[in-house]
C-alpha atoms as a PDB file:
ATOM      1  CA  GLY A   1      -3.180  20.936  26.007  1.00  0.00           C
ATOM      2  CA  VAL A   2      -1.807  20.878  22.448  1.00  0.00           C
ATOM      3  CA  PRO A   3      -2.756  23.794  20.137  1.00  0.00           C
ATOM      4  CA  ILE A   4      -4.949  22.744  17.200  1.00  0.00           C
ATOM      5  CA  LEU A   5      -3.049  23.395  14.000  1.00  0.00           C
ATOM      6  CA  GLY A   6      -3.761  26.841  12.616  1.00  0.00           C
ATOM      7  CA  GLU A   7      -5.534  28.029  15.807  1.00  0.00           C
ATOM      8  CA  THR A   8      -4.263  30.096  18.668  1.00  0.00           C
ATOM      9  CA  THR A   9      -6.444  28.629  21.401  1.00  0.00           C
ATOM     10  CA  PRO A  10      -5.597  25.151  22.647  1.00  0.00           C
ATOM     11  CA  ARG A  11      -8.423  22.711  23.225  1.00  0.00           C
ATOM     12  CA  ARG A  12      -8.755  19.604  25.284  1.00  0.00           C
ATOM     13  CA  VAL A  13      -9.779  16.106  24.057  1.00  0.00           C
ATOM     14  CA  GLU A  14     -10.835  13.336  26.413  1.00  0.00           C
ATOM     15  CA  PHE A  15     -10.999   9.640  25.581  1.00  0.00           C
ATOM     16  CA  PHE A  16     -12.722   7.082  27.798  1.00  0.00           C
ATOM     17  CA  SER A  17     -12.997   3.315  27.221  1.00  0.00           C
ATOM     18  CA  HIS A  18     -14.362   0.300  29.161  1.00  0.00           C
ATOM     19  CA  GLU A  19     -13.466  -3.294  29.329  1.00  0.00           C
ATOM     20  CA  ALA A  20     -14.942  -5.192  26.326  1.00  0.00           C
ATOM     21  CA  SER A  21     -15.752  -8.078  28.656  1.00  0.00           C
ATOM     22  CA  GLN A  22     -18.363  -5.789  30.335  1.00  0.00           C
ATOM     23  CA  GLY A  23     -20.183  -5.524  27.034  1.00  0.00           C
ATOM     24  CA  ARG A  24     -19.797  -1.779  26.924  1.00  0.00           C
ATOM     25  CA  ARG A  25     -18.295   0.182  24.130  1.00  0.00           C
ATOM     26  CA  PRO A  26     -16.043   3.097  25.015  1.00  0.00           C
ATOM     27  CA  GLU A  27     -17.438   6.718  25.258  1.00  0.00           C
ATOM     28  CA  PHE A  28     -15.613   9.213  23.170  1.00  0.00           C
ATOM     29  CA  HIS A  29     -15.927  12.924  23.930  1.00  0.00           C
ATOM     30  CA  VAL A  30     -14.221  15.349  21.550  1.00  0.00           C
ATOM     31  CA  SER A  31     -14.577  18.897  20.471  1.00  0.00           C
ATOM     32  CA  PHE A  32     -14.024  19.020  16.708  1.00  0.00           C
ATOM     33  CA  THR A  33     -14.462  21.682  14.077  1.00  0.00           C
ATOM     34  CA  PRO A  34     -15.597  21.445  10.440  1.00  0.00           C
ATOM     35  CA  LYS A  35     -12.497  23.460   9.423  1.00  0.00           C
ATOM     36  CA  TYR A  36     -10.744  20.056   9.540  1.00  0.00           C
ATOM     37  CA  ARG A  37     -12.242  17.995   6.726  1.00  0.00           C
ATOM     38  CA  ALA A  38     -13.197  14.444   7.690  1.00  0.00           C
ATOM     39  CA  PRO A  39     -11.081  11.802   5.834  1.00  0.00           C
ATOM     40  CA  TYR A  40     -14.173   9.853   4.982  1.00  0.00           C
ATOM     41  CA  THR A  41     -15.442  12.696   2.763  1.00  0.00           C
ATOM     42  CA  SER A  42     -12.541  12.104   0.413  1.00  0.00           C
ATOM     43  CA  SER A  43     -13.562   9.429  -2.177  1.00  0.00           C
ATOM     44  CA  LYS A  44     -10.152   8.039  -2.512  1.00  0.00           C
ATOM     45  CA  PHE A  45      -9.877   7.357   1.255  1.00  0.00           C
ATOM     46  CA  GLN A  46     -13.474   6.053   1.905  1.00  0.00           C
ATOM     47  CA  ALA A  47     -12.626   2.394   1.381  1.00  0.00           C
ATOM     48  CA  ALA A  48      -9.669   2.554   3.814  1.00  0.00           C
ATOM     49  CA  VAL A  49     -11.631   4.504   6.516  1.00  0.00           C
ATOM     50  CA  GLU A  50     -14.726   2.237   6.122  1.00  0.00           C
ATOM     51  CA  SER A  51     -12.555  -0.928   6.720  1.00  0.00           C
ATOM     52  CA  CYS A  52     -10.804   0.504   9.805  1.00  0.00           C
ATOM     53  CA  SER A  53     -11.331   1.964  13.200  1.00  0.00           C
ATOM     54  CA  PHE A  54      -9.421   5.073  14.272  1.00  0.00           C
ATOM     55  CA  GLN A  55      -7.178   4.974  17.272  1.00  0.00           C
ATOM     56  CA  ALA A  56      -5.937   8.115  19.126  1.00  0.00           C
ATOM     57  CA  PRO A  57      -4.108   8.743  21.354  1.00  0.00           C
ATOM     58  CA  GLU A  58      -4.057   5.158  22.471  1.00  0.00           C
ATOM     59  CA  SER A  59      -5.191   1.803  21.122  1.00  0.00           C
ATOM     60  CA  ALA A  60      -8.936   1.978  21.499  1.00  0.00           C
ATOM     61  CA  PRO A  61     -10.583   0.043  18.582  1.00  0.00           C
ATOM     62  CA  TRP A  62     -13.991   1.737  18.848  1.00  0.00           C
ATOM     63  CA  ALA A  63     -12.618   5.197  19.408  1.00  0.00           C
ATOM     64  CA  PHE A  64     -14.906   7.167  17.066  1.00  0.00           C
ATOM     65  CA  ARG A  65     -17.930   4.869  16.902  1.00  0.00           C
ATOM     66  CA  THR A  66     -20.087   7.191  18.941  1.00  0.00           C
ATOM     67  CA  ILE A  67     -19.508  10.143  16.653  1.00  0.00           C
ATOM     68  CA  GLY A  68     -19.348   8.290  13.322  1.00  0.00           C
ATOM     69  CA  LYS A  69     -16.417   7.969  11.085  1.00  0.00           C
ATOM     70  CA  GLU A  70     -18.230   9.938   8.320  1.00  0.00           C
ATOM     71  CA  ARG A  71     -17.986  13.076  10.490  1.00  0.00           C
ATOM     72  CA  PHE A  72     -14.914  12.715  12.543  1.00  0.00           C
ATOM     73  CA  SER A  73     -11.884  15.015  12.072  1.00  0.00           C
ATOM     74  CA  ASN A  74      -9.488  16.968  14.335  1.00  0.00           C
ATOM     75  CA  TRP A  75      -6.000  18.391  14.197  1.00  0.00           C
ATOM     76  CA  PHE A  76      -4.468  14.909  14.569  1.00  0.00           C
ATOM     77  CA  TRP A  77      -6.432  13.286  11.584  1.00  0.00           C
ATOM     78  CA  TYR A  78      -7.943  15.150   8.710  1.00  0.00           C
ATOM     79  CA  VAL A  79      -7.758  15.654   4.913  1.00  0.00           C
ATOM     80  CA  THR A  80      -6.267  18.837   3.462  1.00  0.00           C
ATOM     81  CA  GLN A  81      -7.670  20.899   0.571  1.00  0.00           C
ATOM     82  CA  ASN A  82      -5.261  19.004  -1.682  1.00  0.00           C
ATOM     83  CA  ASP A  83      -6.899  15.727  -0.745  1.00  0.00           C
ATOM     84  CA  ILE A  84      -3.993  14.541   1.429  1.00  0.00           C
ATOM     85  CA  MET A  85      -4.692  12.534   4.582  1.00  0.00           C
ATOM     86  CA  ARG A  86      -2.669  13.815   7.630  1.00  0.00           C
ATOM     87  CA  PHE A  87      -1.918  12.008  10.896  1.00  0.00           C
ATOM     88  CA  SER A  88      -0.291  14.053  13.614  1.00  0.00           C
ATOM     89  CA  MET A  89       0.720  13.213  17.168  1.00  0.00           C
ATOM     90  CA  PHE A  90       3.316  13.955  19.872  1.00  0.00           C
ATOM     91  CA  GLY A  91       4.880  12.214  22.965  1.00  0.00           C
ATOM     92  CA  GLN A  92       4.351   8.449  23.034  1.00  0.00           C
ATOM     93  CA  HIS A  93       0.954   8.621  21.445  1.00  0.00           C
ATOM     94  CA  ARG A  94      -0.572   7.570  18.246  1.00  0.00           C
ATOM     95  CA  SER A  95      -3.014   8.598  15.544  1.00  0.00           C
ATOM     96  CA  GLU A  96      -3.647   5.474  13.457  1.00  0.00           C
ATOM     97  CA  LEU A  97      -6.123   3.547  11.313  1.00  0.00           C
ATOM     98  CA  ARG A  98      -6.504  -0.029  12.481  1.00  0.00           C
ATOM     99  CA  HIS A  99      -7.667  -2.387   9.713  1.00  0.00           C
ATOM    100  CA  GLN A 100     -10.466  -4.568  11.042  1.00  0.00           C
ATOM    101  CA  LYS A 101      -9.978  -7.702   8.866  1.00  0.00           C
ATOM    102  CA  HIS A 102      -7.802 -10.257  10.664  1.00  0.00           C
ATOM    103  CA  TRP A 103      -5.649 -12.738   8.642  1.00  0.00           C
ATOM    104  CA  ASP A 104      -3.336 -15.779   9.002  1.00  0.00           C
ATOM    105  CA  ALA A 105       0.174 -15.579   7.582  1.00  0.00           C
ATOM    106  CA  SER A 106       0.125 -19.265   6.715  1.00  0.00           C
ATOM    107  CA  LEU A 107      -2.794 -19.008   4.281  1.00  0.00           C
ATOM    108  CA  ASP A 108      -2.074 -18.691   0.549  1.00  0.00           C
ATOM    109  CA  ALA A 109      -3.779 -15.323  -0.093  1.00  0.00           C
ATOM    110  CA  ASP A 110      -1.990 -12.012  -0.433  1.00  0.00           C
ATOM    111  CA  LYS A 111      -2.297  -9.511   2.321  1.00  0.00           C
ATOM    112  CA  TYR A 112      -0.890  -6.059   1.766  1.00  0.00           C
ATOM    113  CA  ILE A 113      -0.786  -2.317   2.427  1.00  0.00           C
ATOM    114  CA  ARG A 114      -0.046  -0.018  -0.416  1.00  0.00           C
ATOM    115  CA  ALA A 115       0.550   3.757   0.267  1.00  0.00           C
ATOM    116  CA  ARG A 116       2.025   6.937  -1.051  1.00  0.00           C
ATOM    117  CA  VAL A 117       3.665   8.580   1.934  1.00  0.00           C
ATOM    118  CA  ARG A 118       5.545  11.764   2.814  1.00  0.00           C
ATOM    119  CA  MET A 119       7.081  12.921   6.060  1.00  0.00           C
ATOM    120  CA  PRO A 120       9.554  15.665   6.737  1.00  0.00           C
ATOM    121  CA  GLU A 121      12.309  14.400   8.963  1.00  0.00           C
ATOM    122  CA  PRO A 122      12.100  15.692  12.558  1.00  0.00           C
ATOM    123  CA  ALA A 123      14.757  18.203  13.582  1.00  0.00           C
ATOM    124  CA  PRO A 124      17.890  16.723  15.085  1.00  0.00           C
ATOM    125  CA  ASP A 125      17.096  18.428  18.473  1.00  0.00           C
ATOM    126  CA  SER A 126      13.410  17.432  18.509  1.00  0.00           C
ATOM    127  CA  GLY A 127      14.092  14.453  20.827  1.00  0.00           C
ATOM    128  CA  ILE A 128      11.966  12.181  18.611  1.00  0.00           C
ATOM    129  CA  GLU A 129      13.458   8.732  18.404  1.00  0.00           C
ATOM    130  CA  GLN A 130      11.051   7.017  16.003  1.00  0.00           C
ATOM    131  CA  VAL A 131       7.941   7.796  13.993  1.00  0.00           C
ATOM    132  CA  THR A 132       6.132   4.531  12.985  1.00  0.00           C
ATOM    133  CA  PHE A 133       3.772   4.851  10.048  1.00  0.00           C
ATOM    134  CA  LEU A 134       2.966   1.251   9.050  1.00  0.00           C
ATOM    135  CA  GLN A 135       2.566  -1.859  11.294  1.00  0.00           C
ATOM    136  CA  ILE A 136       1.526  -5.465  11.462  1.00  0.00           C
ATOM    137  CA  LEU A 137       0.121  -6.425  14.910  1.00  0.00           C
ATOM    138  CA  THR A 138      -1.333  -9.612  16.409  1.00  0.00           C
ATOM    139  CA  SER A 139      -4.086 -10.023  18.995  1.00  0.00           C
ATOM    140  CA  PHE A 140      -3.092 -12.757  21.471  1.00  0.00           C
ATOM    141  CA  PRO A 141      -5.671 -14.430  23.636  1.00  0.00           C
ATOM    142  CA  ALA A 142      -5.711 -13.131  27.246  1.00  0.00           C
ATOM    143  CA  ASP A 143      -4.578 -16.436  28.543  1.00  0.00           C
ATOM    144  CA  SER A 144      -1.678 -16.820  26.071  1.00  0.00           C
ATOM    145  CA  SER A 145       1.846 -17.155  27.424  1.00  0.00           C
ATOM    146  CA  VAL A 146       3.281 -15.637  24.261  1.00  0.00           C
ATOM    147  CA  PRO A 147       4.948 -12.155  24.921  1.00  0.00           C
ATOM    148  CA  GLY A 148       2.993  -9.342  23.248  1.00  0.00           C
ATOM    149  CA  GLY A 149       4.297  -6.919  20.706  1.00  0.00           C
ATOM    150  CA  PRO A 150       3.941  -6.230  16.955  1.00  0.00           C
ATOM    151  CA  LEU A 151       5.309  -8.437  14.156  1.00  0.00           C
ATOM    152  CA  LEU A 152       6.439  -5.407  12.183  1.00  0.00           C
ATOM    153  CA  ARG A 153       6.966  -1.669  12.631  1.00  0.00           C
ATOM    154  CA  VAL A 154       8.030   0.348   9.710  1.00  0.00           C
ATOM    155  CA  HIS A 155       9.490   3.730  10.866  1.00  0.00           C
ATOM    156  CA  TRP A 156      11.650   6.746  10.505  1.00  0.00           C
ATOM    157  CA  ARG A 157      14.570   6.298  12.838  1.00  0.00           C
ATOM    158  CA  HIS A 158      16.642   8.908  14.608  1.00  0.00           C
ATOM    159  CA  ASP A 159      19.721   7.900  12.573  1.00  0.00           C
ATOM    160  CA  GLY A 160      17.884   9.154   9.356  1.00  0.00           C
ATOM    161  CA  THR A 161      17.038   5.730   7.996  1.00  0.00           C
ATOM    162  CA  LEU A 162      13.787   4.084   6.949  1.00  0.00           C
ATOM    163  CA  SER A 163      13.834   1.014   9.127  1.00  0.00           C
ATOM    164  CA  ALA A 164      11.802  -2.057  10.071  1.00  0.00           C
ATOM    165  CA  ASN A 165      11.617  -3.640  13.434  1.00  0.00           C
ATOM    166  CA  VAL A 166      10.707  -7.314  12.913  1.00  0.00           C
ATOM    167  CA  ARG A 167       9.754  -9.808  15.591  1.00  0.00           C
ATOM    168  CA  THR A 168      12.204 -12.553  14.682  1.00  0.00           C
ATOM    169  CA  LYS A 169      11.422 -14.979  17.521  1.00  0.00           C
ATOM    170  CA  VAL A 170       8.209 -15.667  19.311  1.00  0.00           C
ATOM    171  CA  ASP A 171       9.172 -16.922  22.768  1.00  0.00           C
ATOM    172  CA  PRO A 172      11.540 -15.797  24.039  1.00  0.00           C
ATOM    173  CA  LYS A 173      10.663 -12.553  22.232  1.00  0.00           C
ATOM    174  CA  ASP A 174      13.328 -11.241  19.944  1.00  0.00           C
ATOM    175  CA  VAL A 175      13.100  -8.056  17.769  1.00  0.00           C
ATOM    176  CA  ASP A 176      15.679  -7.087  15.178  1.00  0.00           C
ATOM    177  CA  THR A 177      16.088  -3.758  13.387  1.00  0.00           C
ATOM    178  CA  PHE A 178      16.720  -3.789   9.641  1.00  0.00           C
ATOM    179  CA  THR A 179      17.577  -0.861   7.460  1.00  0.00           C
ATOM    180  CA  VAL A 180      15.213  -0.729   4.469  1.00  0.00           C
ATOM    181  CA  LEU A 181      16.647   2.549   3.068  1.00  0.00           C
ATOM    182  CA  PRO A 182      19.859   4.062   4.310  1.00  0.00           C
ATOM    183  CA  THR A 183      18.457   7.564   3.834  1.00  0.00           C
ATOM    184  CA  TRP A 184      14.916   8.814   4.609  1.00  0.00           C
ATOM    185  CA  PRO A 185      13.176   9.963   1.347  1.00  0.00           C
ATOM    186  CA  THR A 186      12.980  13.711   0.941  1.00  0.00           C
ATOM    187  CA  GLY A 187       9.592  13.731  -0.759  1.00  0.00           C
ATOM    188  CA  TRP A 188       6.692  11.393  -1.745  1.00  0.00           C
ATOM    189  CA  PHE A 189       7.474   7.675  -1.973  1.00  0.00           C
ATOM    190  CA  ASP A 190       5.305   4.559  -2.686  1.00  0.00           C
ATOM    191  CA  ILE A 191       5.566   1.686  -0.253  1.00  0.00           C
ATOM    192  CA  GLU A 192       4.035  -1.782  -0.101  1.00  0.00           C
ATOM    193  CA  LEU A 193       4.060  -4.262   2.734  1.00  0.00           C
ATOM    194  CA  ARG A 194       3.052  -7.699   1.520  1.00  0.00           C
ATOM    195  CA  VAL A 195       2.584 -11.089   3.295  1.00  0.00           C
ATOM    196  CA  THR A 196       2.280 -14.046   0.940  1.00  0.00           C
ATOM    197  CA  GLU A 197       3.598 -17.602   0.265  1.00  0.00           C
ATOM    198  CA  ASP A 198       6.203 -18.974  -2.152  1.00  0.00           C
ATOM    199  CA  ASP A 199       5.673 -22.045  -4.406  1.00  0.00           C
ATOM    200  CA  GLU A 200       6.716 -24.253  -1.422  1.00  0.00           C
ATOM    201  CA  ASP A 201       4.075 -22.765   0.952  1.00  0.00           C
ATOM    202  CA  HIS A 202       6.566 -20.810   2.965  1.00  0.00           C
ATOM    203  CA  ALA A 203       5.104 -17.528   4.276  1.00  0.00           C
ATOM    204  CA  TYR A 204       7.237 -14.506   4.035  1.00  0.00           C
ATOM    205  CA  LEU A 205       7.130 -10.655   4.349  1.00  0.00           C
ATOM    206  CA  THR A 206       8.315  -8.161   1.689  1.00  0.00           C
ATOM    207  CA  ILE A 207       8.745  -4.427   1.763  1.00  0.00           C
ATOM    208  CA  SER A 208       8.871  -2.615  -1.560  1.00  0.00           C
ATOM    209  CA  ILE A 209       9.744   1.129  -2.135  1.00  0.00           C
ATOM    210  CA  ASP A 210       8.776   2.834  -5.373  1.00  0.00           C
ATOM    211  CA  GLY A 211       8.083  -0.583  -6.919  1.00  0.00           C
ATOM    212  CA  GLU A 212      11.392  -2.223  -5.983  1.00  0.00           C
ATOM    213  CA  GLU A 213      11.701  -4.941  -3.306  1.00  0.00           C
ATOM    214  CA  LYS A 214      13.990  -3.754  -0.574  1.00  0.00           C
ATOM    215  CA  PHE A 215      13.407  -6.230   2.185  1.00  0.00           C
ATOM    216  CA  ARG A 216      12.239  -9.837   2.509  1.00  0.00           C
ATOM    217  CA  HIS A 217      12.003 -11.955   5.655  1.00  0.00           C
ATOM    218  CA  SER A 218      10.609 -15.471   6.449  1.00  0.00           C
ATOM    219  CA  LEU A 219       7.453 -15.742   8.564  1.00  0.00           C
ATOM    220  CA  GLN A 220       7.676 -19.464   9.124  1.00  0.00           C
ATOM    221  CA  HIS A 221       8.048 -18.720  12.831  1.00  0.00           C
ATOM    222  CA  TRP A 222       4.808 -16.634  12.913  1.00  0.00           C
ATOM    223  CA  GLN A 223       1.797 -18.954  12.584  1.00  0.00           C
ATOM    224  CA  PHE A 224      -0.847 -16.885  14.313  1.00  0.00           C
ATOM    225  CA  VAL A 225      -4.334 -16.082  13.020  1.00  0.00           C
ATOM    226  CA  ASN A 226      -5.223 -12.698  14.390  1.00  0.00           C
ATOM    227  CA  ASN A 227      -2.879 -10.479  12.425  1.00  0.00           C
ATOM    228  CA  TYR A 228      -3.917  -7.043  11.214  1.00  0.00           C
ATOM    229  CA  PHE A 229      -2.521  -3.885   9.583  1.00  0.00           C
ATOM    230  CA  LYS A 230      -2.189  -0.323  10.982  1.00  0.00           C
ATOM    231  CA  ALA A 231      -1.226   3.026   9.276  1.00  0.00           C
ATOM    232  CA  GLY A 232      -0.788   6.464  10.596  1.00  0.00           C
ATOM    233  CA  ALA A 233       1.676   8.148  13.040  1.00  0.00           C
ATOM    234  CA  TYR A 234       2.913   6.481  16.187  1.00  0.00           C
ATOM    235  CA  MET A 235       5.430   8.526  18.000  1.00  0.00           C
ATOM    236  CA  TRP A 236       8.317   7.425  20.139  1.00  0.00           C
ATOM    237  CA  THR A 237      10.006  10.133  22.333  1.00  0.00           C
ATOM    238  CA  ASP A 238       9.797  11.400  25.908  1.00  0.00           C
ATOM    239  CA  GLN A 239       6.287  11.181  27.261  1.00  0.00           C
ATOM    240  CA  GLY A 240       6.206  14.942  27.926  1.00  0.00           C
ATOM    241  CA  ASN A 241       7.739  16.003  24.602  1.00  0.00           C
ATOM    242  CA  PRO A 242       5.254  18.516  23.061  1.00  0.00           C
ATOM    243  CA  ILE A 243       6.712  18.513  19.521  1.00  0.00           C
ATOM    244  CA  VAL A 244       4.036  17.365  16.996  1.00  0.00           C
ATOM    245  CA  ASN A 245       5.071  15.280  13.953  1.00  0.00           C
ATOM    246  CA  THR A 246       2.937  14.711  10.877  1.00  0.00           C
ATOM    247  CA  VAL A 247       2.821  11.761   8.372  1.00  0.00           C
ATOM    248  CA  GLU A 248       0.964  12.460   5.134  1.00  0.00           C
ATOM    249  CA  PHE A 249      -0.734   9.906   2.891  1.00  0.00           C
ATOM    250  CA  ALA A 250      -1.614  10.659  -0.765  1.00  0.00           C
ATOM    251  CA  SER A 251      -3.058   7.127  -1.104  1.00  0.00           C
ATOM    252  CA  LEU A 252      -3.728   4.197   1.244  1.00  0.00           C
ATOM    253  CA  ASP A 253      -5.027   0.774   0.383  1.00  0.00           C
ATOM    254  CA  PHE A 254      -5.526  -2.231   2.702  1.00  0.00           C
ATOM    255  CA  THR A 255      -6.120  -5.573   0.894  1.00  0.00           C
ATOM    256  CA  VAL A 256      -6.712  -8.940   2.462  1.00  0.00           C
ATOM    257  CA  GLU A 257      -7.789 -11.373  -0.215  1.00  0.00           C
ATOM    258  CA  GLU A 258     -10.177 -14.286   0.396  1.00  0.00           C
ATOM    259  CA  TYR A 259      -8.311 -17.474   1.134  1.00  0.00           C
ATOM    260  CA  GLY A 260      -7.799 -19.608  -1.938  1.00  0.00           C
ATOM    261  CA  ARG A 261      -6.202 -22.988  -1.165  1.00  0.00           C
ATOM    262  CA  PHE A 262      -8.048 -23.674   1.970  1.00  0.00           C
ATOM    263  CA  ARG A 263     -10.062 -21.881   4.670  1.00  0.00           C
ATOM    264  CA  ARG A 264      -9.597 -22.257   8.452  1.00  0.00           C
ATOM    265  CA  GLN A 265     -12.368 -21.828  10.906  1.00  0.00           C
ATOM    266  CA  ARG A 266     -10.922 -19.704  13.724  1.00  0.00           C
ATOM    267  CA  GLU A 267     -12.445 -17.649  16.460  1.00  0.00           C
ATOM    268  CA  LEU A 268     -11.226 -14.085  16.265  1.00  0.00           C
ATOM    269  CA  TYR A 269     -10.047 -12.645  19.491  1.00  0.00           C
ATOM    270  CA  PHE A 270     -10.358  -8.891  20.360  1.00  0.00           C
ATOM    271  CA  PRO A 271      -8.388  -7.772  23.354  1.00  0.00           C
ATOM    272  CA  PRO A 272     -10.079  -5.783  26.127  1.00  0.00           C
ATOM    273  CA  LEU A 273      -9.734  -1.970  25.896  1.00  0.00           C
ATOM    274  CA  ASN A 274      -7.792   0.000  28.482  1.00  0.00           C
ATOM    275  CA  ASN A 275      -9.778   1.361  31.382  1.00  0.00           C
ATOM    276  CA  GLY A 276     -10.310   5.013  31.733  1.00  0.00           C
ATOM    277  CA  THR A 277      -7.827   6.275  29.185  1.00  0.00           C
ATOM    278  CA  LYS A 278      -7.756  10.024  29.460  1.00  0.00           C
ATOM    279  CA  ILE A 279      -5.318  12.265  27.546  1.00  0.00           C
ATOM    280  CA  TRP A 280      -4.980  16.014  27.564  1.00  0.00           C
END
């Protein structure tokens, strides 16, 4: 078990899920306390929470449906007295909001995340390799031959940089790491991930920090419809590492504009959930 922040007695949290193909939503059993304020109760985060599902400690899209997002909070996701949203996690687990609206990179409407973020760097001896706080993922059909994996992971890296892992080739899969900032920010910073098109209808991705574009990459190779955003804390360290790391958000905005130039009729695909996920 992992101690709840500010308490001396550890609790245990169990997560169960079922195959979506069976038509059954996952069960979610959790002990939570009102001392952790539910993020939905903060007016500035309501729109983001309303448009998302919460995933912890694994990717389970319906994780808190049985409790209700208006009430849910725990040590790994809550809002502070200063109206700051905190995501915390450890090991190789996650505490993330998964935006529910899917989009196609090839359509001429802006898609972006804007956030104000703060995260103290993990200690050098923490064993933490990466902390991902923003992502772009894609749901591939079950019968697809395309190797899985995210298009983008924006993260703190063990070398002290703010970096981006970008899927630069589809098949064979190829992921490159780019340095967005050579030094991790010491305090709050504003970040925007944006996917849009230029005047010649070429799709591209940009990352801006404090209003200045720091990274741009073509997405001409990434013509898939079921892309979506995620935000939170996704840890990468040894599975048994008990050190908890926290990412704080002072603001968070997901925007997927309606398609302007043309609209494609596509069937959205939602992957099956993991069977019997049980953590702690």
